[in-house]
Amino acid sequence: MLSKIRSVINGYRRNLGGLRSARTIQELRKWFASDVGTPSGFGFNGDVIRTRIVADLFNSVGCTAFIETGTYRAATTVLAKRLLNCKVFSCELSLKSWLFSTIRCLPYSELFIFRADSRSFLRRMGKHLGPEEIPFIYLDAHWYSDLPLQEELDYVATTWAKCVVLVDDYKVPDRPGFKFDRYGDDELCIERFFIDPKNAISGAVTFFPNYDPELETGARCGYVIFICGTQHRLHSDARRFPLNLLRRFD
């Protein structure tokens, strides 16, 4: 197990400069093919377009911390730490995955992994992070029959006046090529799980990916982004790559 963790850590020593500097989808895909090769073990589901969108959105909005629910094996956790260079907080309920991720993340400072239910973890973050913080919150803890997503969204919207929220495995309207999760009769979709702008402290705007999922490099999972209280910061950047690959949903 230790040799596997060591090989994973070494794999993350790759240079991310090409990811940050790419100006088109083609350049992103070229960097991924030459410097990464395979989506296995690469964060954000191995999807390089989504990864770049997260990075640019984080910087454009002025986010100060990355919060993740559902660490699993810390692929996204580590990539977020290296790419965003910020404080990273993550939670994992499975003891095996938590132990693996904790060992894997030992080389990184200001990266904290908690073994906790996502709801109690978010409440802890709400007390820990001051009102001046603008967290980027990545919600991916929906593997079990108990689906906490709407509780998470309601808590986030009423706790942080300014934040960005991305929900993974979400149904993208009019883009059937993106995969999404179902839980019994429930789909992860905008009709069922959302942030109501009327309930958010500073309002909320919803965005979906607006590009062909076949262009992605990994699992091609759908996602939704809710931007709370910082929408005005995107006016100029929203017209530039890669944020021009998002569309507002009203």
C-alpha atoms as a PDB file:
ATOM      1  CA  MET A   1       0.000   0.000   0.000  1.00  0.00           C
ATOM      2  CA  LEU A   2       2.838   2.400   0.852  1.00  0.00           C
ATOM      3  CA  SER A   3       4.465   1.816  -2.549  1.00  0.00           C
ATOM      4  CA  LYS A   4       1.150   2.611  -4.242  1.00  0.00           C
ATOM      5  CA  ILE A   5       0.794   5.832  -2.263  1.00  0.00           C
ATOM      6  CA  ARG A   6       4.406   6.759  -3.083  1.00  0.00           C
ATOM      7  CA  SER A   7       3.794   6.272  -6.812  1.00  0.00           C
ATOM      8  CA  VAL A   8       0.643   8.405  -6.625  1.00  0.00           C
ATOM      9  CA  ILE A   9       2.478  11.209  -4.819  1.00  0.00           C
ATOM     10  CA  ASN A  10       5.290  11.109  -7.371  1.00  0.00           C
ATOM     11  CA  GLY A  11       2.723  11.336 -10.156  1.00  0.00           C
ATOM     12  CA  TYR A  12       1.540  14.633  -8.755  1.00  0.00           C
ATOM     13  CA  ARG A  13       4.967  16.203  -9.186  1.00  0.00           C
ATOM     14  CA  ARG A  14       4.108  16.896 -12.812  1.00  0.00           C
ATOM     15  CA  ASN A  15       4.284  20.521 -13.969  1.00  0.00           C
ATOM     16  CA  LEU A  16       0.872  22.220 -14.030  1.00  0.00           C
ATOM     17  CA  GLY A  17       2.080  25.243 -15.997  1.00  0.00           C
ATOM     18  CA  GLY A  18       0.546  24.015 -19.242  1.00  0.00           C
ATOM     19  CA  LEU A  19      -2.790  23.532 -17.526  1.00  0.00           C
ATOM     20  CA  ARG A  20      -2.765  27.119 -16.239  1.00  0.00           C
ATOM     21  CA  SER A  21      -1.607  28.748 -19.485  1.00  0.00           C
ATOM     22  CA  ALA A  22      -3.719  26.937 -22.103  1.00  0.00           C
ATOM     23  CA  ARG A  23      -5.909  29.315 -24.105  1.00  0.00           C
ATOM     24  CA  THR A  24      -8.132  26.808 -25.907  1.00  0.00           C
ATOM     25  CA  ILE A  25      -9.674  23.406 -25.323  1.00  0.00           C
ATOM     26  CA  GLN A  26      -7.248  21.972 -27.864  1.00  0.00           C
ATOM     27  CA  GLU A  27      -4.265  23.276 -25.887  1.00  0.00           C
ATOM     28  CA  LEU A  28      -5.708  21.825 -22.685  1.00  0.00           C
ATOM     29  CA  ARG A  29      -6.163  18.433 -24.304  1.00  0.00           C
ATOM     30  CA  LYS A  30      -2.662  18.548 -25.762  1.00  0.00           C
ATOM     31  CA  TRP A  31      -1.154  19.307 -22.340  1.00  0.00           C
ATOM     32  CA  PHE A  32      -3.186  16.505 -20.770  1.00  0.00           C
ATOM     33  CA  ALA A  33      -2.122  13.981 -23.402  1.00  0.00           C
ATOM     34  CA  SER A  34       1.571  14.836 -23.089  1.00  0.00           C
ATOM     35  CA  ASP A  35       1.940  15.535 -19.351  1.00  0.00           C
ATOM     36  CA  VAL A  36      -0.761  13.331 -17.786  1.00  0.00           C
ATOM     37  CA  GLY A  37      -1.683  10.691 -20.338  1.00  0.00           C
ATOM     38  CA  THR A  38      -4.444   8.915 -18.442  1.00  0.00           C
ATOM     39  CA  PRO A  39      -7.360  10.322 -16.419  1.00  0.00           C
ATOM     40  CA  SER A  40      -6.921   7.627 -13.776  1.00  0.00           C
ATOM     41  CA  GLY A  41      -5.858   9.261 -10.503  1.00  0.00           C
ATOM     42  CA  PHE A  42      -6.169  12.792 -11.872  1.00  0.00           C
ATOM     43  CA  GLY A  43      -8.479  14.979  -9.791  1.00  0.00           C
ATOM     44  CA  PHE A  44     -11.850  16.401 -10.766  1.00  0.00           C
ATOM     45  CA  ASN A  45     -12.842  13.064 -12.365  1.00  0.00           C
ATOM     46  CA  GLY A  46      -9.925  13.291 -14.771  1.00  0.00           C
ATOM     47  CA  ASP A  47     -11.745  16.068 -16.643  1.00  0.00           C
ATOM     48  CA  VAL A  48      -9.195  18.696 -17.672  1.00  0.00           C
ATOM     49  CA  ILE A  49     -11.703  21.303 -18.902  1.00  0.00           C
ATOM     50  CA  ARG A  50     -13.565  21.240 -15.601  1.00  0.00           C
ATOM     51  CA  THR A  51     -10.256  21.450 -13.733  1.00  0.00           C
ATOM     52  CA  ARG A  52      -9.242  24.606 -15.593  1.00  0.00           C
ATOM     53  CA  ILE A  53     -12.699  26.154 -15.067  1.00  0.00           C
ATOM     54  CA  VAL A  54     -12.396  25.548 -11.316  1.00  0.00           C
ATOM     55  CA  ALA A  55      -8.963  27.198 -11.235  1.00  0.00           C
ATOM     56  CA  ASP A  56     -10.031  30.287 -13.182  1.00  0.00           C
ATOM     57  CA  LEU A  57     -13.300  30.652 -11.293  1.00  0.00           C
ATOM     58  CA  PHE A  58     -11.436  30.365  -7.984  1.00  0.00           C
ATOM     59  CA  ASN A  59      -9.099  33.204  -8.976  1.00  0.00           C
ATOM     60  CA  SER A  60     -11.695  35.411 -10.688  1.00  0.00           C
ATOM     61  CA  VAL A  61     -14.029  35.382  -7.698  1.00  0.00           C
ATOM     62  CA  GLY A  62     -11.175  35.787  -5.214  1.00  0.00           C
ATOM     63  CA  CYS A  63     -11.747  32.570  -3.285  1.00  0.00           C
ATOM     64  CA  THR A  64      -9.525  31.997  -0.261  1.00  0.00           C
ATOM     65  CA  ALA A  65     -10.077  28.314   0.626  1.00  0.00           C
ATOM     66  CA  PHE A  66     -11.137  25.050  -0.989  1.00  0.00           C
ATOM     67  CA  ILE A  67     -13.658  22.860   0.863  1.00  0.00           C
ATOM     68  CA  GLU A  68     -14.429  19.363  -0.407  1.00  0.00           C
ATOM     69  CA  THR A  69     -16.919  16.744   0.749  1.00  0.00           C
ATOM     70  CA  GLY A  70     -16.094  13.167  -0.237  1.00  0.00           C
ATOM     71  CA  THR A  71     -12.281  12.861  -0.229  1.00  0.00           C
ATOM     72  CA  TYR A  72     -12.213   9.235  -1.427  1.00  0.00           C
ATOM     73  CA  ARG A  73      -8.500   8.813  -2.359  1.00  0.00           C
ATOM     74  CA  ALA A  74      -7.683  12.533  -2.370  1.00  0.00           C
ATOM     75  CA  ALA A  75      -7.089  12.913  -6.112  1.00  0.00           C
ATOM     76  CA  THR A  76      -9.118  16.129  -6.257  1.00  0.00           C
ATOM     77  CA  THR A  77      -7.845  17.181  -2.834  1.00  0.00           C
ATOM     78  CA  VAL A  78      -4.187  17.072  -3.861  1.00  0.00           C
ATOM     79  CA  LEU A  79      -4.768  18.601  -7.280  1.00  0.00           C
ATOM     80  CA  ALA A  80      -6.720  21.474  -5.712  1.00  0.00           C
ATOM     81  CA  LYS A  81      -3.883  22.099  -3.270  1.00  0.00           C
ATOM     82  CA  ARG A  82      -1.243  22.208  -6.011  1.00  0.00           C
ATOM     83  CA  LEU A  83      -3.318  24.135  -8.517  1.00  0.00           C
ATOM     84  CA  LEU A  84      -4.956  26.703  -6.235  1.00  0.00           C
ATOM     85  CA  ASN A  85      -2.198  27.083  -3.613  1.00  0.00           C
ATOM     86  CA  CYS A  86      -4.660  27.731  -0.790  1.00  0.00           C
ATOM     87  CA  LYS A  87      -5.956  26.163   2.405  1.00  0.00           C
ATOM     88  CA  VAL A  88      -7.742  22.887   1.599  1.00  0.00           C
ATOM     89  CA  PHE A  89     -10.254  21.139   3.847  1.00  0.00           C
ATOM     90  CA  SER A  90     -11.863  17.794   3.007  1.00  0.00           C
ATOM     91  CA  CYS A  91     -13.973  15.134   4.715  1.00  0.00           C
ATOM     92  CA  GLU A  92     -14.407  11.402   4.187  1.00  0.00           C
ATOM     93  CA  LEU A  93     -16.735   8.983   5.991  1.00  0.00           C
ATOM     94  CA  SER A  94     -15.041   5.704   5.010  1.00  0.00           C
ATOM     95  CA  LEU A  95     -12.253   4.776   7.446  1.00  0.00           C
ATOM     96  CA  LYS A  96     -10.214   3.015   4.735  1.00  0.00           C
ATOM     97  CA  SER A  97     -10.396   5.956   2.329  1.00  0.00           C
ATOM     98  CA  TRP A  98      -9.713   8.450   5.125  1.00  0.00           C
ATOM     99  CA  LEU A  99      -6.548   6.574   6.197  1.00  0.00           C
ATOM    100  CA  PHE A 100      -5.294   6.298   2.606  1.00  0.00           C
ATOM    101  CA  SER A 101      -5.942   9.989   1.928  1.00  0.00           C
ATOM    102  CA  THR A 102      -4.397  11.135   5.192  1.00  0.00           C
ATOM    103  CA  ILE A 103      -1.138   9.338   4.369  1.00  0.00           C
ATOM    104  CA  ARG A 104      -1.198  10.520   0.779  1.00  0.00           C
ATOM    105  CA  CYS A 105      -1.564  14.163   1.841  1.00  0.00           C
ATOM    106  CA  LEU A 106       1.226  14.182   4.430  1.00  0.00           C
ATOM    107  CA  PRO A 107       3.663  16.099   2.166  1.00  0.00           C
ATOM    108  CA  TYR A 108       1.302  19.098   1.942  1.00  0.00           C
ATOM    109  CA  SER A 109       0.902  21.915   4.432  1.00  0.00           C
ATOM    110  CA  GLU A 110      -2.436  23.593   5.164  1.00  0.00           C
ATOM    111  CA  LEU A 111      -4.302  20.549   3.872  1.00  0.00           C
ATOM    112  CA  PHE A 112      -6.679  18.977   6.386  1.00  0.00           C
ATOM    113  CA  ILE A 113      -8.751  15.806   6.030  1.00  0.00           C
ATOM    114  CA  PHE A 114     -11.477  15.045   8.560  1.00  0.00           C
ATOM    115  CA  ARG A 115     -13.289  11.775   9.087  1.00  0.00           C
ATOM    116  CA  ALA A 116     -16.837  13.067   9.331  1.00  0.00           C
ATOM    117  CA  ASP A 117     -20.284  13.207   7.826  1.00  0.00           C
ATOM    118  CA  SER A 118     -20.438  16.009   5.265  1.00  0.00           C
ATOM    119  CA  ARG A 119     -23.127  17.941   7.140  1.00  0.00           C
ATOM    120  CA  SER A 120     -21.264  18.050  10.440  1.00  0.00           C
ATOM    121  CA  PHE A 121     -18.060  18.842   8.532  1.00  0.00           C
ATOM    122  CA  LEU A 122     -19.640  21.849   6.804  1.00  0.00           C
ATOM    123  CA  ARG A 123     -20.963  23.108  10.128  1.00  0.00           C
ATOM    124  CA  ARG A 124     -17.445  22.838  11.520  1.00  0.00           C
ATOM    125  CA  MET A 125     -16.102  24.794   8.545  1.00  0.00           C
ATOM    126  CA  GLY A 126     -18.783  27.414   9.087  1.00  0.00           C
ATOM    127  CA  LYS A 127     -17.424  28.009  12.577  1.00  0.00           C
ATOM    128  CA  HIS A 128     -13.762  27.752  11.563  1.00  0.00           C
ATOM    129  CA  LEU A 129     -13.638  30.076   8.566  1.00  0.00           C
ATOM    130  CA  GLY A 130     -14.126  33.751   9.303  1.00  0.00           C
ATOM    131  CA  PRO A 131     -16.662  35.983   7.509  1.00  0.00           C
ATOM    132  CA  GLU A 132     -13.888  37.439   5.349  1.00  0.00           C
ATOM    133  CA  GLU A 133     -13.237  34.031   3.748  1.00  0.00           C
ATOM    134  CA  ILE A 134     -14.680  33.195   0.317  1.00  0.00           C
ATOM    135  CA  PRO A 135     -14.666  29.395   0.057  1.00  0.00           C
ATOM    136  CA  PHE A 136     -14.906  27.310  -3.090  1.00  0.00           C
ATOM    137  CA  ILE A 137     -17.068  24.391  -1.966  1.00  0.00           C
ATOM    138  CA  TYR A 138     -16.897  21.147  -3.960  1.00  0.00           C
ATOM    139  CA  LEU A 139     -19.772  18.803  -3.033  1.00  0.00           C
ATOM    140  CA  ASP A 140     -19.155  15.158  -3.906  1.00  0.00           C
ATOM    141  CA  ALA A 141     -20.329  13.217  -0.827  1.00  0.00           C
ATOM    142  CA  HIS A 142     -23.336  11.455  -2.305  1.00  0.00           C
ATOM    143  CA  TRP A 143     -22.485   7.788  -2.478  1.00  0.00           C
ATOM    144  CA  TYR A 144     -24.799   6.292   0.143  1.00  0.00           C
ATOM    145  CA  SER A 145     -28.555   5.891   0.516  1.00  0.00           C
ATOM    146  CA  ASP A 146     -28.626   8.895   2.860  1.00  0.00           C
ATOM    147  CA  LEU A 147     -28.394  11.809   0.417  1.00  0.00           C
ATOM    148  CA  PRO A 148     -27.327  14.993   2.266  1.00  0.00           C
ATOM    149  CA  LEU A 149     -27.066  17.286  -0.761  1.00  0.00           C
ATOM    150  CA  GLN A 150     -30.009  19.633  -0.202  1.00  0.00           C
ATOM    151  CA  GLU A 151     -29.110  20.013   3.474  1.00  0.00           C
ATOM    152  CA  GLU A 152     -25.562  20.890   2.422  1.00  0.00           C
ATOM    153  CA  LEU A 153     -26.761  23.465  -0.100  1.00  0.00           C
ATOM    154  CA  ASP A 154     -29.188  25.067   2.368  1.00  0.00           C
ATOM    155  CA  TYR A 155     -26.475  25.325   5.015  1.00  0.00           C
ATOM    156  CA  VAL A 156     -23.897  26.791   2.654  1.00  0.00           C
ATOM    157  CA  ALA A 157     -26.315  29.378   1.249  1.00  0.00           C
ATOM    158  CA  THR A 158     -27.237  30.644   4.712  1.00  0.00           C
ATOM    159  CA  THR A 159     -23.716  30.537   6.196  1.00  0.00           C
ATOM    160  CA  TRP A 160     -21.383  32.199   3.669  1.00  0.00           C
ATOM    161  CA  ALA A 161     -22.397  35.506   2.107  1.00  0.00           C
ATOM    162  CA  LYS A 162     -19.756  34.966  -0.577  1.00  0.00           C
ATOM    163  CA  CYS A 163     -18.850  31.546  -1.940  1.00  0.00           C
ATOM    164  CA  VAL A 164     -18.767  29.309  -5.002  1.00  0.00           C
ATOM    165  CA  VAL A 165     -20.398  25.870  -4.902  1.00  0.00           C
ATOM    166  CA  LEU A 166     -19.848  23.067  -7.414  1.00  0.00           C
ATOM    167  CA  VAL A 167     -21.970  19.905  -7.229  1.00  0.00           C
ATOM    168  CA  ASP A 168     -20.485  16.861  -8.958  1.00  0.00           C
ATOM    169  CA  ASP A 169     -22.403  14.159 -10.878  1.00  0.00           C
ATOM    170  CA  TYR A 170     -25.225  16.583 -11.679  1.00  0.00           C
ATOM    171  CA  LYS A 171     -27.616  16.468 -14.631  1.00  0.00           C
ATOM    172  CA  VAL A 172     -26.824  19.133 -17.241  1.00  0.00           C
ATOM    173  CA  PRO A 173     -29.920  20.363 -19.095  1.00  0.00           C
ATOM    174  CA  ASP A 174     -29.778  19.811 -22.862  1.00  0.00           C
ATOM    175  CA  ARG A 175     -26.397  18.030 -22.604  1.00  0.00           C
ATOM    176  CA  PRO A 176     -27.283  14.305 -22.375  1.00  0.00           C
ATOM    177  CA  GLY A 177     -23.650  13.286 -22.930  1.00  0.00           C
ATOM    178  CA  PHE A 178     -22.751  14.333 -19.385  1.00  0.00           C
ATOM    179  CA  LYS A 179     -23.232  11.537 -16.832  1.00  0.00           C
ATOM    180  CA  PHE A 180     -25.186  12.122 -13.641  1.00  0.00           C
ATOM    181  CA  ASP A 181     -26.263  10.211 -10.540  1.00  0.00           C
ATOM    182  CA  ARG A 182     -29.651   8.794  -9.608  1.00  0.00           C
ATOM    183  CA  TYR A 183     -30.767   7.734  -6.133  1.00  0.00           C
ATOM    184  CA  GLY A 184     -33.953   5.722  -6.430  1.00  0.00           C
ATOM    185  CA  ASP A 185     -36.455   8.095  -8.007  1.00  0.00           C
ATOM    186  CA  ASP A 186     -34.230  11.112  -7.363  1.00  0.00           C
ATOM    187  CA  GLU A 187     -31.942  12.512 -10.045  1.00  0.00           C
ATOM    188  CA  LEU A 188     -29.260  15.033  -9.152  1.00  0.00           C
ATOM    189  CA  CYS A 189     -30.905  17.811 -11.136  1.00  0.00           C
ATOM    190  CA  ILE A 190     -31.885  21.465 -10.931  1.00  0.00           C
ATOM    191  CA  GLU A 191     -35.548  20.626 -10.287  1.00  0.00           C
ATOM    192  CA  ARG A 192     -34.651  18.678  -7.142  1.00  0.00           C
ATOM    193  CA  PHE A 193     -31.429  20.043  -5.643  1.00  0.00           C
ATOM    194  CA  PHE A 194     -30.574  23.741  -5.870  1.00  0.00           C
ATOM    195  CA  ILE A 195     -29.716  26.952  -4.042  1.00  0.00           C
ATOM    196  CA  ASP A 196     -32.735  29.235  -3.927  1.00  0.00           C
ATOM    197  CA  PRO A 197     -31.542  32.826  -4.497  1.00  0.00           C
ATOM    198  CA  LYS A 198     -34.247  34.029  -2.112  1.00  0.00           C
ATOM    199  CA  ASN A 199     -32.737  31.992   0.733  1.00  0.00           C
ATOM    200  CA  ALA A 200     -29.071  32.789   0.062  1.00  0.00           C
ATOM    201  CA  ILE A 201     -27.561  35.616   2.110  1.00  0.00           C
ATOM    202  CA  SER A 202     -26.430  37.561  -0.949  1.00  0.00           C
ATOM    203  CA  GLY A 203     -28.366  35.896  -3.749  1.00  0.00           C
ATOM    204  CA  ALA A 204     -27.147  33.148  -6.078  1.00  0.00           C
ATOM    205  CA  VAL A 205     -26.590  32.609  -9.797  1.00  0.00           C
ATOM    206  CA  THR A 206     -26.543  29.164 -11.439  1.00  0.00           C
ATOM    207  CA  PHE A 207     -24.168  28.048 -14.197  1.00  0.00           C
ATOM    208  CA  PHE A 208     -23.846  24.836 -16.234  1.00  0.00           C
ATOM    209  CA  PRO A 209     -21.087  23.615 -18.571  1.00  0.00           C
ATOM    210  CA  ASN A 210     -21.834  24.641 -22.150  1.00  0.00           C
ATOM    211  CA  TYR A 211     -19.440  22.499 -24.187  1.00  0.00           C
ATOM    212  CA  ASP A 212     -19.491  19.085 -25.796  1.00  0.00           C
ATOM    213  CA  PRO A 213     -18.791  16.459 -23.097  1.00  0.00           C
ATOM    214  CA  GLU A 214     -16.927  14.408 -25.719  1.00  0.00           C
ATOM    215  CA  LEU A 215     -14.160  17.008 -25.475  1.00  0.00           C
ATOM    216  CA  GLU A 216     -13.486  16.064 -21.849  1.00  0.00           C
ATOM    217  CA  THR A 217     -10.612  13.744 -20.977  1.00  0.00           C
ATOM    218  CA  GLY A 218     -12.046  11.774 -18.068  1.00  0.00           C
ATOM    219  CA  ALA A 219     -15.358  10.507 -16.695  1.00  0.00           C
ATOM    220  CA  ARG A 220     -17.421  13.274 -18.377  1.00  0.00           C
ATOM    221  CA  CYS A 221     -19.586  13.741 -15.308  1.00  0.00           C
ATOM    222  CA  GLY A 222     -22.002  16.638 -15.273  1.00  0.00           C
ATOM    223  CA  TYR A 223     -21.862  19.446 -12.727  1.00  0.00           C
ATOM    224  CA  VAL A 224     -23.577  22.646 -11.675  1.00  0.00           C
ATOM    225  CA  ILE A 225     -22.016  25.790 -10.213  1.00  0.00           C
ATOM    226  CA  PHE A 226     -23.762  28.185  -7.834  1.00  0.00           C
ATOM    227  CA  ILE A 227     -22.096  31.565  -7.300  1.00  0.00           C
ATOM    228  CA  CYS A 228     -23.262  33.407  -4.204  1.00  0.00           C
ATOM    229  CA  GLY A 229     -22.573  37.073  -3.495  1.00  0.00           C
ATOM    230  CA  THR A 230     -19.682  37.505  -5.939  1.00  0.00           C
ATOM    231  CA  GLN A 231     -21.440  37.444  -9.306  1.00  0.00           C
ATOM    232  CA  HIS A 232     -20.295  40.977 -10.148  1.00  0.00           C
ATOM    233  CA  ARG A 233     -16.652  39.861 -10.213  1.00  0.00           C
ATOM    234  CA  LEU A 234     -17.245  37.705 -13.291  1.00  0.00           C
ATOM    235  CA  HIS A 235     -18.486  40.349 -15.729  1.00  0.00           C
ATOM    236  CA  SER A 236     -15.234  40.695 -17.673  1.00  0.00           C
ATOM    237  CA  ASP A 237     -13.730  37.243 -17.090  1.00  0.00           C
ATOM    238  CA  ALA A 238     -16.938  35.464 -18.148  1.00  0.00           C
ATOM    239  CA  ARG A 239     -16.215  36.386 -21.777  1.00  0.00           C
ATOM    240  CA  ARG A 240     -12.736  34.850 -21.732  1.00  0.00           C
ATOM    241  CA  PHE A 241     -11.557  31.236 -21.916  1.00  0.00           C
ATOM    242  CA  PRO A 242     -12.362  29.038 -20.085  1.00  0.00           C
ATOM    243  CA  LEU A 243     -15.230  30.757 -18.232  1.00  0.00           C
ATOM    244  CA  ASN A 244     -16.928  31.382 -21.568  1.00  0.00           C
ATOM    245  CA  LEU A 245     -17.563  27.628 -21.548  1.00  0.00           C
ATOM    246  CA  LEU A 246     -20.198  28.129 -18.837  1.00  0.00           C
ATOM    247  CA  ARG A 247     -23.774  29.270 -19.432  1.00  0.00           C
ATOM    248  CA  ARG A 248     -26.032  31.012 -16.964  1.00  0.00           C
ATOM    249  CA  PHE A 249     -29.229  29.187 -16.066  1.00  0.00           C
ATOM    250  CA  ASP A 250     -32.253  31.282 -15.099  1.00  0.00           C
END
